[in-house]
Amino acid sequence: CGRAIEIIAVSARDRSRDRGIDLKG
């Protein structure tokens, strides 16, 4: 893409649910 794609923010119903993904930072 010629530039990085960075996940800055997320939103979902349940913050405590384990989705098997790393959301640190």
PDBML (XML) file of the C-alpha atoms, coordinates in Angstrom:
<?xml version="1.0" encoding="UTF-8" ?>
<PDBx:datablock datablockName="MODEL"
   xmlns:PDBx="http://pdbml.pdb.org/schema/pdbx-v50.xsd"
   xmlns:xsi="http://www.w3.org/2001/XMLSchema-instance"
   xsi:schemaLocation="http://pdbml.pdb.org/schema/pdbx-v50.xsd pdbx-v50.xsd">
   <PDBx:atom_siteCategory>
      <PDBx:atom_site id="1">
         <PDBx:B_iso_or_equiv>0.00</PDBx:B_iso_or_equiv>
         <PDBx:Cartn_x>0.000</PDBx:Cartn_x>
         <PDBx:Cartn_y>0.000</PDBx:Cartn_y>
         <PDBx:Cartn_z>0.000</PDBx:Cartn_z>
         <PDBx:auth_asym_id>A</PDBx:auth_asym_id>
         <PDBx:auth_atom_id>CA</PDBx:auth_atom_id>
         <PDBx:auth_comp_id>CYS</PDBx:auth_comp_id>
         <PDBx:auth_seq_id>1</PDBx:auth_seq_id>
         <PDBx:group_PDB>ATOM</PDBx:group_PDB>
         <PDBx:label_alt_id xsi:nil="true" />
         <PDBx:label_asym_id>A</PDBx:label_asym_id>
         <PDBx:label_atom_id>CA</PDBx:label_atom_id>
         <PDBx:label_comp_id>CYS</PDBx:label_comp_id>
         <PDBx:label_entity_id>1</PDBx:label_entity_id>
         <PDBx:label_seq_id>1</PDBx:label_seq_id>
         <PDBx:occupancy>1.00</PDBx:occupancy>
         <PDBx:pdbx_PDB_model_num>1</PDBx:pdbx_PDB_model_num>
         <PDBx:type_symbol>C</PDBx:type_symbol>
      </PDBx:atom_site>
      <PDBx:atom_site id="2">
         <PDBx:B_iso_or_equiv>0.00</PDBx:B_iso_or_equiv>
         <PDBx:Cartn_x>2.982</PDBx:Cartn_x>
         <PDBx:Cartn_y>2.311</PDBx:Cartn_y>
         <PDBx:Cartn_z>0.302</PDBx:Cartn_z>
         <PDBx:auth_asym_id>A</PDBx:auth_asym_id>
         <PDBx:auth_atom_id>CA</PDBx:auth_atom_id>
         <PDBx:auth_comp_id>GLY</PDBx:auth_comp_id>
         <PDBx:auth_seq_id>2</PDBx:auth_seq_id>
         <PDBx:group_PDB>ATOM</PDBx:group_PDB>
         <PDBx:label_alt_id xsi:nil="true" />
         <PDBx:label_asym_id>A</PDBx:label_asym_id>
         <PDBx:label_atom_id>CA</PDBx:label_atom_id>
         <PDBx:label_comp_id>GLY</PDBx:label_comp_id>
         <PDBx:label_entity_id>1</PDBx:label_entity_id>
         <PDBx:label_seq_id>2</PDBx:label_seq_id>
         <PDBx:occupancy>1.00</PDBx:occupancy>
         <PDBx:pdbx_PDB_model_num>1</PDBx:pdbx_PDB_model_num>
         <PDBx:type_symbol>C</PDBx:type_symbol>
      </PDBx:atom_site>
      <PDBx:atom_site id="3">
         <PDBx:B_iso_or_equiv>0.00</PDBx:B_iso_or_equiv>
         <PDBx:Cartn_x>2.091</PDBx:Cartn_x>
         <PDBx:Cartn_y>3.081</PDBx:Cartn_y>
         <PDBx:Cartn_z>3.915</PDBx:Cartn_z>
         <PDBx:auth_asym_id>A</PDBx:auth_asym_id>
         <PDBx:auth_atom_id>CA</PDBx:auth_atom_id>
         <PDBx:auth_comp_id>ARG</PDBx:auth_comp_id>
         <PDBx:auth_seq_id>3</PDBx:auth_seq_id>
         <PDBx:group_PDB>ATOM</PDBx:group_PDB>
         <PDBx:label_alt_id xsi:nil="true" />
         <PDBx:label_asym_id>A</PDBx:label_asym_id>
         <PDBx:label_atom_id>CA</PDBx:label_atom_id>
         <PDBx:label_comp_id>ARG</PDBx:label_comp_id>
         <PDBx:label_entity_id>1</PDBx:label_entity_id>
         <PDBx:label_seq_id>3</PDBx:label_seq_id>
         <PDBx:occupancy>1.00</PDBx:occupancy>
         <PDBx:pdbx_PDB_model_num>1</PDBx:pdbx_PDB_model_num>
         <PDBx:type_symbol>C</PDBx:type_symbol>
      </PDBx:atom_site>
      <PDBx:atom_site id="4">
         <PDBx:B_iso_or_equiv>0.00</PDBx:B_iso_or_equiv>
         <PDBx:Cartn_x>1.423</PDBx:Cartn_x>
         <PDBx:Cartn_y>1.183</PDBx:Cartn_y>
         <PDBx:Cartn_z>7.106</PDBx:Cartn_z>
         <PDBx:auth_asym_id>A</PDBx:auth_asym_id>
         <PDBx:auth_atom_id>CA</PDBx:auth_atom_id>
         <PDBx:auth_comp_id>ALA</PDBx:auth_comp_id>
         <PDBx:auth_seq_id>4</PDBx:auth_seq_id>
         <PDBx:group_PDB>ATOM</PDBx:group_PDB>
         <PDBx:label_alt_id xsi:nil="true" />
         <PDBx:label_asym_id>A</PDBx:label_asym_id>
         <PDBx:label_atom_id>CA</PDBx:label_atom_id>
         <PDBx:label_comp_id>ALA</PDBx:label_comp_id>
         <PDBx:label_entity_id>1</PDBx:label_entity_id>
         <PDBx:label_seq_id>4</PDBx:label_seq_id>
         <PDBx:occupancy>1.00</PDBx:occupancy>
         <PDBx:pdbx_PDB_model_num>1</PDBx:pdbx_PDB_model_num>
         <PDBx:type_symbol>C</PDBx:type_symbol>
      </PDBx:atom_site>
      <PDBx:atom_site id="5">
         <PDBx:B_iso_or_equiv>0.00</PDBx:B_iso_or_equiv>
         <PDBx:Cartn_x>-2.130</PDBx:Cartn_x>
         <PDBx:Cartn_y>0.357</PDBx:Cartn_y>
         <PDBx:Cartn_z>8.188</PDBx:Cartn_z>
         <PDBx:auth_asym_id>A</PDBx:auth_asym_id>
         <PDBx:auth_atom_id>CA</PDBx:auth_atom_id>
         <PDBx:auth_comp_id>ILE</PDBx:auth_comp_id>
         <PDBx:auth_seq_id>5</PDBx:auth_seq_id>
         <PDBx:group_PDB>ATOM</PDBx:group_PDB>
         <PDBx:label_alt_id xsi:nil="true" />
         <PDBx:label_asym_id>A</PDBx:label_asym_id>
         <PDBx:label_atom_id>CA</PDBx:label_atom_id>
         <PDBx:label_comp_id>ILE</PDBx:label_comp_id>
         <PDBx:label_entity_id>1</PDBx:label_entity_id>
         <PDBx:label_seq_id>5</PDBx:label_seq_id>
         <PDBx:occupancy>1.00</PDBx:occupancy>
         <PDBx:pdbx_PDB_model_num>1</PDBx:pdbx_PDB_model_num>
         <PDBx:type_symbol>C</PDBx:type_symbol>
      </PDBx:atom_site>
      <PDBx:atom_site id="6">
         <PDBx:B_iso_or_equiv>0.00</PDBx:B_iso_or_equiv>
         <PDBx:Cartn_x>-2.418</PDBx:Cartn_x>
         <PDBx:Cartn_y>0.823</PDBx:Cartn_y>
         <PDBx:Cartn_z>11.935</PDBx:Cartn_z>
         <PDBx:auth_asym_id>A</PDBx:auth_asym_id>
         <PDBx:auth_atom_id>CA</PDBx:auth_atom_id>
         <PDBx:auth_comp_id>GLU</PDBx:auth_comp_id>
         <PDBx:auth_seq_id>6</PDBx:auth_seq_id>
         <PDBx:group_PDB>ATOM</PDBx:group_PDB>
         <PDBx:label_alt_id xsi:nil="true" />
         <PDBx:label_asym_id>A</PDBx:label_asym_id>
         <PDBx:label_atom_id>CA</PDBx:label_atom_id>
         <PDBx:label_comp_id>GLU</PDBx:label_comp_id>
         <PDBx:label_entity_id>1</PDBx:label_entity_id>
         <PDBx:label_seq_id>6</PDBx:label_seq_id>
         <PDBx:occupancy>1.00</PDBx:occupancy>
         <PDBx:pdbx_PDB_model_num>1</PDBx:pdbx_PDB_model_num>
         <PDBx:type_symbol>C</PDBx:type_symbol>
      </PDBx:atom_site>
      <PDBx:atom_site id="7">
         <PDBx:B_iso_or_equiv>0.00</PDBx:B_iso_or_equiv>
         <PDBx:Cartn_x>-5.335</PDBx:Cartn_x>
         <PDBx:Cartn_y>-0.185</PDBx:Cartn_y>
         <PDBx:Cartn_z>14.187</PDBx:Cartn_z>
         <PDBx:auth_asym_id>A</PDBx:auth_asym_id>
         <PDBx:auth_atom_id>CA</PDBx:auth_atom_id>
         <PDBx:auth_comp_id>ILE</PDBx:auth_comp_id>
         <PDBx:auth_seq_id>7</PDBx:auth_seq_id>
         <PDBx:group_PDB>ATOM</PDBx:group_PDB>
         <PDBx:label_alt_id xsi:nil="true" />
         <PDBx:label_asym_id>A</PDBx:label_asym_id>
         <PDBx:label_atom_id>CA</PDBx:label_atom_id>
         <PDBx:label_comp_id>ILE</PDBx:label_comp_id>
         <PDBx:label_entity_id>1</PDBx:label_entity_id>
         <PDBx:label_seq_id>7</PDBx:label_seq_id>
         <PDBx:occupancy>1.00</PDBx:occupancy>
         <PDBx:pdbx_PDB_model_num>1</PDBx:pdbx_PDB_model_num>
         <PDBx:type_symbol>C</PDBx:type_symbol>
      </PDBx:atom_site>
      <PDBx:atom_site id="8">
         <PDBx:B_iso_or_equiv>0.00</PDBx:B_iso_or_equiv>
         <PDBx:Cartn_x>-5.787</PDBx:Cartn_x>
         <PDBx:Cartn_y>2.760</PDBx:Cartn_y>
         <PDBx:Cartn_z>16.542</PDBx:Cartn_z>
         <PDBx:auth_asym_id>A</PDBx:auth_asym_id>
         <PDBx:auth_atom_id>CA</PDBx:auth_atom_id>
         <PDBx:auth_comp_id>ILE</PDBx:auth_comp_id>
         <PDBx:auth_seq_id>8</PDBx:auth_seq_id>
         <PDBx:group_PDB>ATOM</PDBx:group_PDB>
         <PDBx:label_alt_id xsi:nil="true" />
         <PDBx:label_asym_id>A</PDBx:label_asym_id>
         <PDBx:label_atom_id>CA</PDBx:label_atom_id>
         <PDBx:label_comp_id>ILE</PDBx:label_comp_id>
         <PDBx:label_entity_id>1</PDBx:label_entity_id>
         <PDBx:label_seq_id>8</PDBx:label_seq_id>
         <PDBx:occupancy>1.00</PDBx:occupancy>
         <PDBx:pdbx_PDB_model_num>1</PDBx:pdbx_PDB_model_num>
         <PDBx:type_symbol>C</PDBx:type_symbol>
      </PDBx:atom_site>
      <PDBx:atom_site id="9">
         <PDBx:B_iso_or_equiv>0.00</PDBx:B_iso_or_equiv>
         <PDBx:Cartn_x>-9.205</PDBx:Cartn_x>
         <PDBx:Cartn_y>2.065</PDBx:Cartn_y>
         <PDBx:Cartn_z>18.073</PDBx:Cartn_z>
         <PDBx:auth_asym_id>A</PDBx:auth_asym_id>
         <PDBx:auth_atom_id>CA</PDBx:auth_atom_id>
         <PDBx:auth_comp_id>ALA</PDBx:auth_comp_id>
         <PDBx:auth_seq_id>9</PDBx:auth_seq_id>
         <PDBx:group_PDB>ATOM</PDBx:group_PDB>
         <PDBx:label_alt_id xsi:nil="true" />
         <PDBx:label_asym_id>A</PDBx:label_asym_id>
         <PDBx:label_atom_id>CA</PDBx:label_atom_id>
         <PDBx:label_comp_id>ALA</PDBx:label_comp_id>
         <PDBx:label_entity_id>1</PDBx:label_entity_id>
         <PDBx:label_seq_id>9</PDBx:label_seq_id>
         <PDBx:occupancy>1.00</PDBx:occupancy>
         <PDBx:pdbx_PDB_model_num>1</PDBx:pdbx_PDB_model_num>
         <PDBx:type_symbol>C</PDBx:type_symbol>
      </PDBx:atom_site>
      <PDBx:atom_site id="10">
         <PDBx:B_iso_or_equiv>0.00</PDBx:B_iso_or_equiv>
         <PDBx:Cartn_x>-11.808</PDBx:Cartn_x>
         <PDBx:Cartn_y>-0.695</PDBx:Cartn_y>
         <PDBx:Cartn_z>18.459</PDBx:Cartn_z>
         <PDBx:auth_asym_id>A</PDBx:auth_asym_id>
         <PDBx:auth_atom_id>CA</PDBx:auth_atom_id>
         <PDBx:auth_comp_id>VAL</PDBx:auth_comp_id>
         <PDBx:auth_seq_id>10</PDBx:auth_seq_id>
         <PDBx:group_PDB>ATOM</PDBx:group_PDB>
         <PDBx:label_alt_id xsi:nil="true" />
         <PDBx:label_asym_id>A</PDBx:label_asym_id>
         <PDBx:label_atom_id>CA</PDBx:label_atom_id>
         <PDBx:label_comp_id>VAL</PDBx:label_comp_id>
         <PDBx:label_entity_id>1</PDBx:label_entity_id>
         <PDBx:label_seq_id>10</PDBx:label_seq_id>
         <PDBx:occupancy>1.00</PDBx:occupancy>
         <PDBx:pdbx_PDB_model_num>1</PDBx:pdbx_PDB_model_num>
         <PDBx:type_symbol>C</PDBx:type_symbol>
      </PDBx:atom_site>
      <PDBx:atom_site id="11">
         <PDBx:B_iso_or_equiv>0.00</PDBx:B_iso_or_equiv>
         <PDBx:Cartn_x>-15.328</PDBx:Cartn_x>
         <PDBx:Cartn_y>-0.963</PDBx:Cartn_y>
         <PDBx:Cartn_z>19.792</PDBx:Cartn_z>
         <PDBx:auth_asym_id>A</PDBx:auth_asym_id>
         <PDBx:auth_atom_id>CA</PDBx:auth_atom_id>
         <PDBx:auth_comp_id>SER</PDBx:auth_comp_id>
         <PDBx:auth_seq_id>11</PDBx:auth_seq_id>
         <PDBx:group_PDB>ATOM</PDBx:group_PDB>
         <PDBx:label_alt_id xsi:nil="true" />
         <PDBx:label_asym_id>A</PDBx:label_asym_id>
         <PDBx:label_atom_id>CA</PDBx:label_atom_id>
         <PDBx:label_comp_id>SER</PDBx:label_comp_id>
         <PDBx:label_entity_id>1</PDBx:label_entity_id>
         <PDBx:label_seq_id>11</PDBx:label_seq_id>
         <PDBx:occupancy>1.00</PDBx:occupancy>
         <PDBx:pdbx_PDB_model_num>1</PDBx:pdbx_PDB_model_num>
         <PDBx:type_symbol>C</PDBx:type_symbol>
      </PDBx:atom_site>
      <PDBx:atom_site id="12">
         <PDBx:B_iso_or_equiv>0.00</PDBx:B_iso_or_equiv>
         <PDBx:Cartn_x>-17.480</PDBx:Cartn_x>
         <PDBx:Cartn_y>-3.949</PDBx:Cartn_y>
         <PDBx:Cartn_z>20.714</PDBx:Cartn_z>
         <PDBx:auth_asym_id>A</PDBx:auth_asym_id>
         <PDBx:auth_atom_id>CA</PDBx:auth_atom_id>
         <PDBx:auth_comp_id>ALA</PDBx:auth_comp_id>
         <PDBx:auth_seq_id>12</PDBx:auth_seq_id>
         <PDBx:group_PDB>ATOM</PDBx:group_PDB>
         <PDBx:label_alt_id xsi:nil="true" />
         <PDBx:label_asym_id>A</PDBx:label_asym_id>
         <PDBx:label_atom_id>CA</PDBx:label_atom_id>
         <PDBx:label_comp_id>ALA</PDBx:label_comp_id>
         <PDBx:label_entity_id>1</PDBx:label_entity_id>
         <PDBx:label_seq_id>12</PDBx:label_seq_id>
         <PDBx:occupancy>1.00</PDBx:occupancy>
         <PDBx:pdbx_PDB_model_num>1</PDBx:pdbx_PDB_model_num>
         <PDBx:type_symbol>C</PDBx:type_symbol>
      </PDBx:atom_site>
      <PDBx:atom_site id="13">
         <PDBx:B_iso_or_equiv>0.00</PDBx:B_iso_or_equiv>
         <PDBx:Cartn_x>-20.185</PDBx:Cartn_x>
         <PDBx:Cartn_y>-4.957</PDBx:Cartn_y>
         <PDBx:Cartn_z>23.183</PDBx:Cartn_z>
         <PDBx:auth_asym_id>A</PDBx:auth_asym_id>
         <PDBx:auth_atom_id>CA</PDBx:auth_atom_id>
         <PDBx:auth_comp_id>ARG</PDBx:auth_comp_id>
         <PDBx:auth_seq_id>13</PDBx:auth_seq_id>
         <PDBx:group_PDB>ATOM</PDBx:group_PDB>
         <PDBx:label_alt_id xsi:nil="true" />
         <PDBx:label_asym_id>A</PDBx:label_asym_id>
         <PDBx:label_atom_id>CA</PDBx:label_atom_id>
         <PDBx:label_comp_id>ARG</PDBx:label_comp_id>
         <PDBx:label_entity_id>1</PDBx:label_entity_id>
         <PDBx:label_seq_id>13</PDBx:label_seq_id>
         <PDBx:occupancy>1.00</PDBx:occupancy>
         <PDBx:pdbx_PDB_model_num>1</PDBx:pdbx_PDB_model_num>
         <PDBx:type_symbol>C</PDBx:type_symbol>
      </PDBx:atom_site>
      <PDBx:atom_site id="14">
         <PDBx:B_iso_or_equiv>0.00</PDBx:B_iso_or_equiv>
         <PDBx:Cartn_x>-18.146</PDBx:Cartn_x>
         <PDBx:Cartn_y>-6.959</PDBx:Cartn_y>
         <PDBx:Cartn_z>25.686</PDBx:Cartn_z>
         <PDBx:auth_asym_id>A</PDBx:auth_asym_id>
         <PDBx:auth_atom_id>CA</PDBx:auth_atom_id>
         <PDBx:auth_comp_id>ASP</PDBx:auth_comp_id>
         <PDBx:auth_seq_id>14</PDBx:auth_seq_id>
         <PDBx:group_PDB>ATOM</PDBx:group_PDB>
         <PDBx:label_alt_id xsi:nil="true" />
         <PDBx:label_asym_id>A</PDBx:label_asym_id>
         <PDBx:label_atom_id>CA</PDBx:label_atom_id>
         <PDBx:label_comp_id>ASP</PDBx:label_comp_id>
         <PDBx:label_entity_id>1</PDBx:label_entity_id>
         <PDBx:label_seq_id>14</PDBx:label_seq_id>
         <PDBx:occupancy>1.00</PDBx:occupancy>
         <PDBx:pdbx_PDB_model_num>1</PDBx:pdbx_PDB_model_num>
         <PDBx:type_symbol>C</PDBx:type_symbol>
      </PDBx:atom_site>
      <PDBx:atom_site id="15">
         <PDBx:B_iso_or_equiv>0.00</PDBx:B_iso_or_equiv>
         <PDBx:Cartn_x>-14.661</PDBx:Cartn_x>
         <PDBx:Cartn_y>-5.719</PDBx:Cartn_y>
         <PDBx:Cartn_z>26.593</PDBx:Cartn_z>
         <PDBx:auth_asym_id>A</PDBx:auth_asym_id>
         <PDBx:auth_atom_id>CA</PDBx:auth_atom_id>
         <PDBx:auth_comp_id>ARG</PDBx:auth_comp_id>
         <PDBx:auth_seq_id>15</PDBx:auth_seq_id>
         <PDBx:group_PDB>ATOM</PDBx:group_PDB>
         <PDBx:label_alt_id xsi:nil="true" />
         <PDBx:label_asym_id>A</PDBx:label_asym_id>
         <PDBx:label_atom_id>CA</PDBx:label_atom_id>
         <PDBx:label_comp_id>ARG</PDBx:label_comp_id>
         <PDBx:label_entity_id>1</PDBx:label_entity_id>
         <PDBx:label_seq_id>15</PDBx:label_seq_id>
         <PDBx:occupancy>1.00</PDBx:occupancy>
         <PDBx:pdbx_PDB_model_num>1</PDBx:pdbx_PDB_model_num>
         <PDBx:type_symbol>C</PDBx:type_symbol>
      </PDBx:atom_site>
      <PDBx:atom_site id="16">
         <PDBx:B_iso_or_equiv>0.00</PDBx:B_iso_or_equiv>
         <PDBx:Cartn_x>-13.833</PDBx:Cartn_x>
         <PDBx:Cartn_y>-8.792</PDBx:Cartn_y>
         <PDBx:Cartn_z>28.692</PDBx:Cartn_z>
         <PDBx:auth_asym_id>A</PDBx:auth_asym_id>
         <PDBx:auth_atom_id>CA</PDBx:auth_atom_id>
         <PDBx:auth_comp_id>SER</PDBx:auth_comp_id>
         <PDBx:auth_seq_id>16</PDBx:auth_seq_id>
         <PDBx:group_PDB>ATOM</PDBx:group_PDB>
         <PDBx:label_alt_id xsi:nil="true" />
         <PDBx:label_asym_id>A</PDBx:label_asym_id>
         <PDBx:label_atom_id>CA</PDBx:label_atom_id>
         <PDBx:label_comp_id>SER</PDBx:label_comp_id>
         <PDBx:label_entity_id>1</PDBx:label_entity_id>
         <PDBx:label_seq_id>16</PDBx:label_seq_id>
         <PDBx:occupancy>1.00</PDBx:occupancy>
         <PDBx:pdbx_PDB_model_num>1</PDBx:pdbx_PDB_model_num>
         <PDBx:type_symbol>C</PDBx:type_symbol>
      </PDBx:atom_site>
      <PDBx:atom_site id="17">
         <PDBx:B_iso_or_equiv>0.00</PDBx:B_iso_or_equiv>
         <PDBx:Cartn_x>-14.564</PDBx:Cartn_x>
         <PDBx:Cartn_y>-11.417</PDBx:Cartn_y>
         <PDBx:Cartn_z>26.031</PDBx:Cartn_z>
         <PDBx:auth_asym_id>A</PDBx:auth_asym_id>
         <PDBx:auth_atom_id>CA</PDBx:auth_atom_id>
         <PDBx:auth_comp_id>ARG</PDBx:auth_comp_id>
         <PDBx:auth_seq_id>17</PDBx:auth_seq_id>
         <PDBx:group_PDB>ATOM</PDBx:group_PDB>
         <PDBx:label_alt_id xsi:nil="true" />
         <PDBx:label_asym_id>A</PDBx:label_asym_id>
         <PDBx:label_atom_id>CA</PDBx:label_atom_id>
         <PDBx:label_comp_id>ARG</PDBx:label_comp_id>
         <PDBx:label_entity_id>1</PDBx:label_entity_id>
         <PDBx:label_seq_id>17</PDBx:label_seq_id>
         <PDBx:occupancy>1.00</PDBx:occupancy>
         <PDBx:pdbx_PDB_model_num>1</PDBx:pdbx_PDB_model_num>
         <PDBx:type_symbol>C</PDBx:type_symbol>
      </PDBx:atom_site>
      <PDBx:atom_site id="18">
         <PDBx:B_iso_or_equiv>0.00</PDBx:B_iso_or_equiv>
         <PDBx:Cartn_x>-11.579</PDBx:Cartn_x>
         <PDBx:Cartn_y>-13.407</PDBx:Cartn_y>
         <PDBx:Cartn_z>24.733</PDBx:Cartn_z>
         <PDBx:auth_asym_id>A</PDBx:auth_asym_id>
         <PDBx:auth_atom_id>CA</PDBx:auth_atom_id>
         <PDBx:auth_comp_id>ASP</PDBx:auth_comp_id>
         <PDBx:auth_seq_id>18</PDBx:auth_seq_id>
         <PDBx:group_PDB>ATOM</PDBx:group_PDB>
         <PDBx:label_alt_id xsi:nil="true" />
         <PDBx:label_asym_id>A</PDBx:label_asym_id>
         <PDBx:label_atom_id>CA</PDBx:label_atom_id>
         <PDBx:label_comp_id>ASP</PDBx:label_comp_id>
         <PDBx:label_entity_id>1</PDBx:label_entity_id>
         <PDBx:label_seq_id>18</PDBx:label_seq_id>
         <PDBx:occupancy>1.00</PDBx:occupancy>
         <PDBx:pdbx_PDB_model_num>1</PDBx:pdbx_PDB_model_num>
         <PDBx:type_symbol>C</PDBx:type_symbol>
      </PDBx:atom_site>
      <PDBx:atom_site id="19">
         <PDBx:B_iso_or_equiv>0.00</PDBx:B_iso_or_equiv>
         <PDBx:Cartn_x>-11.620</PDBx:Cartn_x>
         <PDBx:Cartn_y>-13.136</PDBx:Cartn_y>
         <PDBx:Cartn_z>20.936</PDBx:Cartn_z>
         <PDBx:auth_asym_id>A</PDBx:auth_asym_id>
         <PDBx:auth_atom_id>CA</PDBx:auth_atom_id>
         <PDBx:auth_comp_id>ARG</PDBx:auth_comp_id>
         <PDBx:auth_seq_id>19</PDBx:auth_seq_id>
         <PDBx:group_PDB>ATOM</PDBx:group_PDB>
         <PDBx:label_alt_id xsi:nil="true" />
         <PDBx:label_asym_id>A</PDBx:label_asym_id>
         <PDBx:label_atom_id>CA</PDBx:label_atom_id>
         <PDBx:label_comp_id>ARG</PDBx:label_comp_id>
         <PDBx:label_entity_id>1</PDBx:label_entity_id>
         <PDBx:label_seq_id>19</PDBx:label_seq_id>
         <PDBx:occupancy>1.00</PDBx:occupancy>
         <PDBx:pdbx_PDB_model_num>1</PDBx:pdbx_PDB_model_num>
         <PDBx:type_symbol>C</PDBx:type_symbol>
      </PDBx:atom_site>
      <PDBx:atom_site id="20">
         <PDBx:B_iso_or_equiv>0.00</PDBx:B_iso_or_equiv>
         <PDBx:Cartn_x>-8.213</PDBx:Cartn_x>
         <PDBx:Cartn_y>-14.707</PDBx:Cartn_y>
         <PDBx:Cartn_z>20.344</PDBx:Cartn_z>
         <PDBx:auth_asym_id>A</PDBx:auth_asym_id>
         <PDBx:auth_atom_id>CA</PDBx:auth_atom_id>
         <PDBx:auth_comp_id>GLY</PDBx:auth_comp_id>
         <PDBx:auth_seq_id>20</PDBx:auth_seq_id>
         <PDBx:group_PDB>ATOM</PDBx:group_PDB>
         <PDBx:label_alt_id xsi:nil="true" />
         <PDBx:label_asym_id>A</PDBx:label_asym_id>
         <PDBx:label_atom_id>CA</PDBx:label_atom_id>
         <PDBx:label_comp_id>GLY</PDBx:label_comp_id>
         <PDBx:label_entity_id>1</PDBx:label_entity_id>
         <PDBx:label_seq_id>20</PDBx:label_seq_id>
         <PDBx:occupancy>1.00</PDBx:occupancy>
         <PDBx:pdbx_PDB_model_num>1</PDBx:pdbx_PDB_model_num>
         <PDBx:type_symbol>C</PDBx:type_symbol>
      </PDBx:atom_site>
      <PDBx:atom_site id="21">
         <PDBx:B_iso_or_equiv>0.00</PDBx:B_iso_or_equiv>
         <PDBx:Cartn_x>-6.690</PDBx:Cartn_x>
         <PDBx:Cartn_y>-11.404</PDBx:Cartn_y>
         <PDBx:Cartn_z>19.192</PDBx:Cartn_z>
         <PDBx:auth_asym_id>A</PDBx:auth_asym_id>
         <PDBx:auth_atom_id>CA</PDBx:auth_atom_id>
         <PDBx:auth_comp_id>ILE</PDBx:auth_comp_id>
         <PDBx:auth_seq_id>21</PDBx:auth_seq_id>
         <PDBx:group_PDB>ATOM</PDBx:group_PDB>
         <PDBx:label_alt_id xsi:nil="true" />
         <PDBx:label_asym_id>A</PDBx:label_asym_id>
         <PDBx:label_atom_id>CA</PDBx:label_atom_id>
         <PDBx:label_comp_id>ILE</PDBx:label_comp_id>
         <PDBx:label_entity_id>1</PDBx:label_entity_id>
         <PDBx:label_seq_id>21</PDBx:label_seq_id>
         <PDBx:occupancy>1.00</PDBx:occupancy>
         <PDBx:pdbx_PDB_model_num>1</PDBx:pdbx_PDB_model_num>
         <PDBx:type_symbol>C</PDBx:type_symbol>
      </PDBx:atom_site>
      <PDBx:atom_site id="22">
         <PDBx:B_iso_or_equiv>0.00</PDBx:B_iso_or_equiv>
         <PDBx:Cartn_x>-4.184</PDBx:Cartn_x>
         <PDBx:Cartn_y>-9.020</PDBx:Cartn_y>
         <PDBx:Cartn_z>20.764</PDBx:Cartn_z>
         <PDBx:auth_asym_id>A</PDBx:auth_asym_id>
         <PDBx:auth_atom_id>CA</PDBx:auth_atom_id>
         <PDBx:auth_comp_id>ASP</PDBx:auth_comp_id>
         <PDBx:auth_seq_id>22</PDBx:auth_seq_id>
         <PDBx:group_PDB>ATOM</PDBx:group_PDB>
         <PDBx:label_alt_id xsi:nil="true" />
         <PDBx:label_asym_id>A</PDBx:label_asym_id>
         <PDBx:label_atom_id>CA</PDBx:label_atom_id>
         <PDBx:label_comp_id>ASP</PDBx:label_comp_id>
         <PDBx:label_entity_id>1</PDBx:label_entity_id>
         <PDBx:label_seq_id>22</PDBx:label_seq_id>
         <PDBx:occupancy>1.00</PDBx:occupancy>
         <PDBx:pdbx_PDB_model_num>1</PDBx:pdbx_PDB_model_num>
         <PDBx:type_symbol>C</PDBx:type_symbol>
      </PDBx:atom_site>
      <PDBx:atom_site id="23">
         <PDBx:B_iso_or_equiv>0.00</PDBx:B_iso_or_equiv>
         <PDBx:Cartn_x>-5.721</PDBx:Cartn_x>
         <PDBx:Cartn_y>-5.606</PDBx:Cartn_y>
         <PDBx:Cartn_z>21.540</PDBx:Cartn_z>
         <PDBx:auth_asym_id>A</PDBx:auth_asym_id>
         <PDBx:auth_atom_id>CA</PDBx:auth_atom_id>
         <PDBx:auth_comp_id>LEU</PDBx:auth_comp_id>
         <PDBx:auth_seq_id>23</PDBx:auth_seq_id>
         <PDBx:group_PDB>ATOM</PDBx:group_PDB>
         <PDBx:label_alt_id xsi:nil="true" />
         <PDBx:label_asym_id>A</PDBx:label_asym_id>
         <PDBx:label_atom_id>CA</PDBx:label_atom_id>
         <PDBx:label_comp_id>LEU</PDBx:label_comp_id>
         <PDBx:label_entity_id>1</PDBx:label_entity_id>
         <PDBx:label_seq_id>23</PDBx:label_seq_id>
         <PDBx:occupancy>1.00</PDBx:occupancy>
         <PDBx:pdbx_PDB_model_num>1</PDBx:pdbx_PDB_model_num>
         <PDBx:type_symbol>C</PDBx:type_symbol>
      </PDBx:atom_site>
      <PDBx:atom_site id="24">
         <PDBx:B_iso_or_equiv>0.00</PDBx:B_iso_or_equiv>
         <PDBx:Cartn_x>-2.831</PDBx:Cartn_x>
         <PDBx:Cartn_y>-4.253</PDBx:Cartn_y>
         <PDBx:Cartn_z>23.624</PDBx:Cartn_z>
         <PDBx:auth_asym_id>A</PDBx:auth_asym_id>
         <PDBx:auth_atom_id>CA</PDBx:auth_atom_id>
         <PDBx:auth_comp_id>LYS</PDBx:auth_comp_id>
         <PDBx:auth_seq_id>24</PDBx:auth_seq_id>
         <PDBx:group_PDB>ATOM</PDBx:group_PDB>
         <PDBx:label_alt_id xsi:nil="true" />
         <PDBx:label_asym_id>A</PDBx:label_asym_id>
         <PDBx:label_atom_id>CA</PDBx:label_atom_id>
         <PDBx:label_comp_id>LYS</PDBx:label_comp_id>
         <PDBx:label_entity_id>1</PDBx:label_entity_id>
         <PDBx:label_seq_id>24</PDBx:label_seq_id>
         <PDBx:occupancy>1.00</PDBx:occupancy>
         <PDBx:pdbx_PDB_model_num>1</PDBx:pdbx_PDB_model_num>
         <PDBx:type_symbol>C</PDBx:type_symbol>
      </PDBx:atom_site>
      <PDBx:atom_site id="25">
         <PDBx:B_iso_or_equiv>0.00</PDBx:B_iso_or_equiv>
         <PDBx:Cartn_x>-2.044</PDBx:Cartn_x>
         <PDBx:Cartn_y>-0.631</PDBx:Cartn_y>
         <PDBx:Cartn_z>22.818</PDBx:Cartn_z>
         <PDBx:auth_asym_id>A</PDBx:auth_asym_id>
         <PDBx:auth_atom_id>CA</PDBx:auth_atom_id>
         <PDBx:auth_comp_id>GLY</PDBx:auth_comp_id>
         <PDBx:auth_seq_id>25</PDBx:auth_seq_id>
         <PDBx:group_PDB>ATOM</PDBx:group_PDB>
         <PDBx:label_alt_id xsi:nil="true" />
         <PDBx:label_asym_id>A</PDBx:label_asym_id>
         <PDBx:label_atom_id>CA</PDBx:label_atom_id>
         <PDBx:label_comp_id>GLY</PDBx:label_comp_id>
         <PDBx:label_entity_id>1</PDBx:label_entity_id>
         <PDBx:label_seq_id>25</PDBx:label_seq_id>
         <PDBx:occupancy>1.00</PDBx:occupancy>
         <PDBx:pdbx_PDB_model_num>1</PDBx:pdbx_PDB_model_num>
         <PDBx:type_symbol>C</PDBx:type_symbol>
      </PDBx:atom_site>
   </PDBx:atom_siteCategory>
</PDBx:datablock>
